[in-house]
Structures are given as C-alpha cells and as structure tokens.
Amino acid sequence: MILKDKHVKIKMKNGRTVLLGGIVAAISFITIQAAIPEYIKLCRKADPLVAKCINNSIEALRQKLAVGIDELDVPPIEPLVIKQIKLKRGPRGARIDAVMSNIKVWGCSDFRILELETDLVKNIYDFKLHLPHLNFLGKYSMDMNILFFRINGTGDMYGNFTDYRAVVRMTGSKVTRDGNVYLKMDKMKMKLEFGGAKIKLTNLFNGDPILGATANQVLNDNSRLFLEEIRPALEGALSDLFTDISNKITLRFTYDELFL
C-alpha cells in the first residue's frame, strides 16, 4: 500500500505499522526536544563526528556557566571558591609551612575543550582542557624556604595564571532509576600543565617593603616550585567543579534523550 500526496510518500507494511511507528518516533523526538533546553545540543550515537557534536554542546553550555543555570540547579562558577589549602612538608632547606584560605578564582568559565575523543560504548571521554587565564585572591599565612631564602608573613595573596592546560579523562556508567537509564559520571581525572604565573603576597616580614619585594621576586622566579605544591588542591577543586556540573545534566535527562 502506498500513501501519496504532493509532500508525503510512505510505503506501508503490515497495515499501518510503519506509519504508526514513524508517528510515534516523530512525537517522541519532538517531546525530547521540547523537554531539553535549547542550549543543550543533542548528539547522535551513530554520528561519525559525535565527538565534535559533544564539544559543540559543551561550548553552548559553557557560555551560561559563569552566571549559573537555575533550571538545572547549577550555581555560578565565577568565582570558584577553594576554602583552604594546607601545606606542610619538605626538608629544612626547602621547607614549606603554609595555610591559604578563602581563595576565589575567576576564569574557569573561559575554558576550551581541545582534542576530544569519545568511546560511547565504554563511556570514556578523553580531552585536553585549555584555561587561558585564572585570576585569584585569598588569605595566606606562610613560613617557607625557597632555595634557602626564607619567606614568612600573614596577609593577602593575589595574582594570575595564564595559558594553563590539562589532560583530562572522564568516565561514566549507566544507572537505572524508575525504569529510565541515566549516565552518571565518575570524578574527573585531571593533570594540570603549568603556563605562566604571577603571585603577590602582602605584609611579608611584617610589612617590610624591601624584604617583602625581594621575597615576592624570589617567589615568582621560582613559582613552579610553589605551584607544584598547590597543584593537587587546584586539580581537585577543578575536577569537583566540572564533575558536579556534568552530573547535574546527565542525571537530569535520560541517556536516550542526550544521545539519540
């Protein structure tokens, strides 16, 4: 049986089975599109360029993250707040004893995804992350040695990181809730690759201007030694942030809604 008009040509099998199936599929697709916000781009599992589609979806979402997404319960990510970093380690000549608190970091929403590779069967997502700039401020209390130069004080700390990159792996697993299948992401694994850094600590040596300037110069000349110490805390904070955002989305919509 052939149903014809000037716009439609559908071959029927077993009565109206094909037509009915097509109508159901169309209605389901329209319903899914209506349920998912327009800034979440749907991707097809069979698309050979699915990784590019996922990247485009992340980019469309990224632009909203700075101010938050109320309907998904995603709070603003500007600034990222790190409550505290404690450091106490090292031999005498390179000793570090420091507490940094109430650290606020701006620039996380300017990230870019590079070289995304996916395995949708195993739910593995490998990519490189580029953070063009991160500006920060907070409080510090420090007594440390860098190349046998002692730096101590209590005050404000602020500065910026530029051109930071990270090698990232995200994995997930399908979970069933109320008969529906969702994708739950594990904690992101991240390895930061340092770019440039500029750090300033106020009130070093009880505000001594000469010693303070010298200590800040030594700190910046050897900033990688300092950054290696705070790397785990920064990686952990960024991993927690992006994993939480991912799950806010993947656990809100079913797997078949996100990946057609």
Protein backbone atom coordinates (compact mmCIF):
# COMPACT_ATOMS: atom_id res chain seq x y z
CA MET A 1 0.00 0.00 0.00
CA ILE A 2 1.29 3.46 -0.89
CA LEU A 3 0.05 6.65 0.80
CA LYS A 4 0.64 9.61 -1.51
CA ASP A 5 0.16 13.32 -1.67
CA LYS A 6 2.40 16.02 -3.06
CA HIS A 7 4.52 16.08 0.12
CA VAL A 8 4.38 12.54 1.53
CA LYS A 9 5.29 9.14 0.17
CA ILE A 10 5.26 6.32 2.74
CA LYS A 11 5.32 2.63 1.96
CA MET A 12 3.08 0.67 4.32
CA LYS A 13 3.90 -2.84 5.64
CA ASN A 14 1.66 -4.94 7.80
CA GLY A 15 -1.15 -2.47 7.67
CA ARG A 16 -0.31 0.75 9.46
CA THR A 17 2.69 -0.49 11.48
CA VAL A 18 5.35 1.57 9.70
CA LEU A 19 3.20 4.72 9.64
CA LEU A 20 2.32 4.33 13.31
CA GLY A 21 5.96 3.70 14.23
CA GLY A 22 7.04 6.78 12.31
CA ILE A 23 4.44 8.93 14.04
CA VAL A 24 5.45 7.63 17.48
CA ALA A 25 9.13 8.26 16.72
CA ALA A 26 8.38 11.77 15.49
CA ILE A 27 6.27 12.58 18.55
CA SER A 28 8.99 11.18 20.84
CA PHE A 29 11.66 13.27 19.11
CA ILE A 30 9.56 16.43 19.36
CA THR A 31 8.84 15.71 23.05
CA ILE A 32 12.55 15.23 23.79
CA GLN A 33 13.42 18.47 22.03
CA ALA A 34 10.76 20.31 24.00
CA ALA A 35 11.98 18.88 27.33
CA ILE A 36 15.67 19.68 26.87
CA PRO A 37 16.75 23.34 26.88
CA GLU A 38 17.96 24.67 23.54
CA TYR A 39 21.46 25.30 24.89
CA ILE A 40 21.95 21.53 25.34
CA LYS A 41 22.69 20.20 21.88
CA LEU A 42 21.55 16.66 21.17
CA CYS A 43 24.04 14.25 19.64
CA ARG A 44 23.52 11.02 17.74
CA LYS A 45 25.48 7.97 18.87
CA ALA A 46 25.92 6.80 15.28
CA ASP A 47 27.29 10.15 14.09
CA PRO A 48 30.93 9.66 12.99
CA LEU A 49 31.51 13.24 14.20
CA VAL A 50 29.83 12.67 17.57
CA ALA A 51 32.92 13.96 19.43
CA LYS A 52 32.62 17.27 17.57
CA CYS A 53 28.91 17.39 18.39
CA ILE A 54 29.63 16.84 22.10
CA ASN A 55 32.27 19.57 22.01
CA ASN A 56 29.80 21.97 20.38
CA SER A 57 27.24 21.09 23.06
CA ILE A 58 29.77 21.84 25.81
CA GLU A 59 30.65 25.15 24.16
CA ALA A 60 26.98 26.18 24.01
CA LEU A 61 26.59 25.27 27.68
CA ARG A 62 29.85 26.91 28.76
CA GLN A 63 28.59 30.38 27.92
CA LYS A 64 25.91 30.06 30.62
CA LEU A 65 28.06 28.62 33.39
CA ALA A 66 29.53 31.90 34.61
CA VAL A 67 26.13 33.14 35.82
CA GLY A 68 24.67 29.71 36.64
CA ILE A 69 21.72 27.76 35.25
CA ASP A 70 18.79 27.92 37.65
CA GLU A 71 16.65 25.32 35.88
CA LEU A 72 19.42 22.72 36.24
CA ASP A 73 20.41 23.79 39.78
CA VAL A 74 23.88 24.72 38.52
CA PRO A 75 25.23 27.64 40.59
CA PRO A 76 27.52 30.30 39.05
CA ILE A 77 31.08 29.05 38.71
CA GLU A 78 32.53 32.54 38.87
CA PRO A 79 34.27 32.65 41.21
CA LEU A 80 35.39 29.15 42.10
CA VAL A 81 35.96 29.11 45.87
CA ILE A 82 38.65 26.96 47.48
CA LYS A 83 38.10 27.09 51.22
CA GLN A 84 41.55 26.08 52.33
CA ILE A 85 44.90 24.70 51.19
CA LYS A 86 47.30 23.44 53.84
CA LEU A 87 50.93 22.72 53.04
CA LYS A 88 53.47 21.31 55.48
CA ARG A 89 56.32 19.36 54.01
CA GLY A 90 59.87 19.37 52.72
CA PRO A 91 63.40 19.20 54.12
CA ARG A 92 64.94 22.07 56.05
CA GLY A 93 66.40 23.88 53.03
CA ALA A 94 63.13 23.75 51.12
CA ARG A 95 60.60 23.71 53.94
CA ILE A 96 57.07 24.95 53.34
CA ASP A 97 54.52 25.54 56.08
CA ALA A 98 51.55 27.46 54.75
CA VAL A 99 47.80 27.86 55.03
CA MET A 100 45.87 29.57 52.24
CA SER A 101 42.18 30.21 52.78
CA ASN A 102 39.07 31.69 51.18
CA ILE A 103 40.70 31.56 47.75
CA LYS A 104 38.47 32.90 44.99
CA VAL A 105 39.36 32.04 41.40
CA TRP A 106 37.92 33.72 38.31
CA GLY A 107 38.24 32.49 34.73
CA CYS A 108 37.05 28.88 35.00
CA SER A 109 34.15 29.53 32.61
CA ASP A 110 36.56 30.56 29.85
CA PHE A 111 37.83 27.01 29.42
CA ARG A 112 38.09 25.43 25.99
CA ILE A 113 37.91 21.73 25.12
CA LEU A 114 40.68 20.51 22.81
CA GLU A 115 41.19 17.17 21.06
CA LEU A 116 38.10 15.43 22.41
CA GLU A 117 37.94 11.65 21.89
CA THR A 118 35.00 9.54 22.98
CA ASP A 119 34.05 5.90 23.43
CA LEU A 120 30.29 5.90 23.93
CA VAL A 121 30.21 2.14 24.43
CA LYS A 122 32.56 2.30 27.42
CA ASN A 123 31.51 5.85 28.33
CA ILE A 124 35.04 7.24 28.23
CA TYR A 125 35.79 10.86 27.32
CA ASP A 126 39.41 11.93 26.85
CA PHE A 127 40.28 15.52 26.07
CA LYS A 128 42.62 18.40 26.69
CA LEU A 129 41.38 21.43 28.55
CA HIS A 130 42.71 24.94 27.98
CA LEU A 131 42.36 27.60 30.66
CA PRO A 132 43.52 30.90 29.10
CA HIS A 133 43.64 32.75 32.39
CA LEU A 134 42.80 32.32 36.06
CA ASN A 135 42.79 35.29 38.42
CA PHE A 136 42.73 34.68 42.16
CA LEU A 137 42.81 36.30 45.57
CA GLY A 138 42.73 34.99 49.12
CA LYS A 139 44.40 34.98 52.51
CA TYR A 140 47.67 33.34 53.47
CA SER A 141 49.85 32.51 56.44
CA MET A 142 53.27 31.26 55.38
CA ASP A 143 56.70 30.30 56.60
CA MET A 144 58.69 28.67 53.81
CA ASN A 145 62.13 28.33 52.30
CA ILE A 146 62.81 28.55 48.58
CA LEU A 147 66.40 27.87 47.65
CA PHE A 148 67.35 28.63 51.28
CA PHE A 149 65.60 32.03 51.14
CA ARG A 150 63.07 32.29 53.92
CA ILE A 151 59.66 33.81 53.20
CA ASN A 152 57.22 34.44 56.02
CA GLY A 153 54.19 36.55 56.74
CA THR A 154 50.42 36.72 57.05
CA GLY A 155 48.22 38.75 54.75
CA ASP A 156 46.53 38.84 51.36
CA MET A 157 47.58 36.91 48.30
CA TYR A 158 46.57 37.56 44.72
CA GLY A 159 47.77 37.04 41.18
CA ASN A 160 47.03 35.28 37.94
CA PHE A 161 47.78 32.12 35.99
CA THR A 162 47.91 32.21 32.20
CA ASP A 163 47.79 29.61 29.44
CA TYR A 164 47.17 26.58 31.63
CA ARG A 165 46.30 23.23 30.09
CA ALA A 166 45.11 19.95 31.49
CA VAL A 167 44.96 16.36 30.27
CA VAL A 168 41.57 15.05 31.32
CA ARG A 169 39.73 11.74 31.41
CA MET A 170 36.09 11.38 32.36
CA THR A 171 34.43 8.02 32.72
CA GLY A 172 30.86 7.16 33.49
CA SER A 173 28.42 4.32 33.91
CA LYS A 174 24.78 3.83 33.13
CA VAL A 175 22.42 3.75 36.10
CA THR A 176 18.74 2.91 36.16
CA ARG A 177 16.21 4.99 38.05
CA ASP A 178 12.46 4.47 37.88
CA GLY A 179 12.89 2.37 34.75
CA ASN A 180 14.95 5.03 32.95
CA VAL A 181 18.65 4.86 32.12
CA TYR A 182 20.94 7.77 33.00
CA LEU A 183 24.66 8.42 32.67
CA LYS A 184 26.49 9.05 35.95
CA MET A 185 29.98 10.49 35.66
CA ASP A 186 32.85 9.46 37.92
CA LYS A 187 35.14 12.11 39.34
CA MET A 188 37.16 13.72 36.58
CA LYS A 189 40.84 12.79 36.45
CA MET A 190 42.95 15.84 35.64
CA LYS A 191 46.64 16.60 35.28
CA LEU A 192 47.44 20.30 35.06
CA GLU A 193 50.22 21.57 32.83
CA PHE A 194 51.52 24.92 34.06
CA GLY A 195 51.73 28.07 31.97
CA GLY A 196 52.72 31.46 33.33
CA ALA A 197 52.15 32.64 36.88
CA LYS A 198 52.32 35.94 38.75
CA ILE A 199 51.85 35.88 42.51
CA LYS A 200 51.96 38.63 45.11
CA LEU A 201 51.85 38.30 48.87
CA THR A 202 51.20 41.36 51.02
CA ASN A 203 52.58 42.06 54.51
CA LEU A 204 55.61 39.82 54.22
CA PHE A 205 58.06 40.21 57.09
CA ASN A 206 55.51 42.33 58.95
CA GLY A 207 55.23 44.75 56.06
CA ASP A 208 58.92 45.41 55.48
CA PRO A 209 58.91 46.93 51.95
CA ILE A 210 62.41 45.85 50.95
CA LEU A 211 62.26 42.31 52.28
CA GLY A 212 58.70 41.96 51.01
CA ALA A 213 59.62 42.99 47.46
CA THR A 214 62.65 40.69 47.47
CA ALA A 215 60.61 37.74 48.77
CA ASN A 216 57.92 38.24 46.11
CA GLN A 217 60.60 38.35 43.42
CA VAL A 218 62.15 35.11 44.67
CA LEU A 219 58.70 33.52 44.86
CA ASN A 220 57.86 34.47 41.28
CA ASP A 221 61.26 33.49 39.93
CA ASN A 222 60.67 30.05 41.41
CA SER A 223 56.90 29.93 41.04
CA ARG A 224 56.88 26.38 39.66
CA LEU A 225 58.20 25.07 42.96
CA PHE A 226 55.28 26.75 44.72
CA LEU A 227 52.74 25.70 42.09
CA GLU A 228 53.80 22.06 42.31
CA GLU A 229 52.81 22.19 45.97
CA ILE A 230 49.35 23.62 45.36
CA ARG A 231 48.72 21.59 42.17
CA PRO A 232 46.78 18.74 43.90
CA ALA A 233 44.38 21.18 45.57
CA LEU A 234 43.77 23.11 42.35
CA GLU A 235 43.30 19.92 40.32
CA GLY A 236 40.90 18.60 42.94
CA ALA A 237 38.83 21.77 43.03
CA LEU A 238 38.54 21.95 39.24
CA SER A 239 37.73 18.22 39.00
CA ASP A 240 34.98 18.51 41.61
CA LEU A 241 33.54 21.56 39.86
CA PHE A 242 33.32 20.07 36.36
CA THR A 243 32.21 16.63 37.56
CA ASP A 244 29.36 18.19 39.53
CA ILE A 245 28.25 20.24 36.52
CA SER A 246 28.37 17.15 34.28
CA ASN A 247 26.19 15.14 36.63
CA LYS A 248 23.71 17.98 37.03
CA ILE A 249 22.98 17.45 33.34
CA THR A 250 23.49 13.72 32.74
CA LEU A 251 21.36 12.77 35.74
CA ARG A 252 18.61 15.22 34.79
CA PHE A 253 17.96 13.81 31.31
CA THR A 254 17.92 10.17 30.24
CA TYR A 255 20.75 8.69 28.22
CA ASP A 256 18.50 8.29 25.17
CA GLU A 257 17.44 11.92 25.41
CA LEU A 258 21.03 13.18 25.37
CA PHE A 259 22.31 10.65 22.81
CA LEU A 260 19.69 9.93 20.17
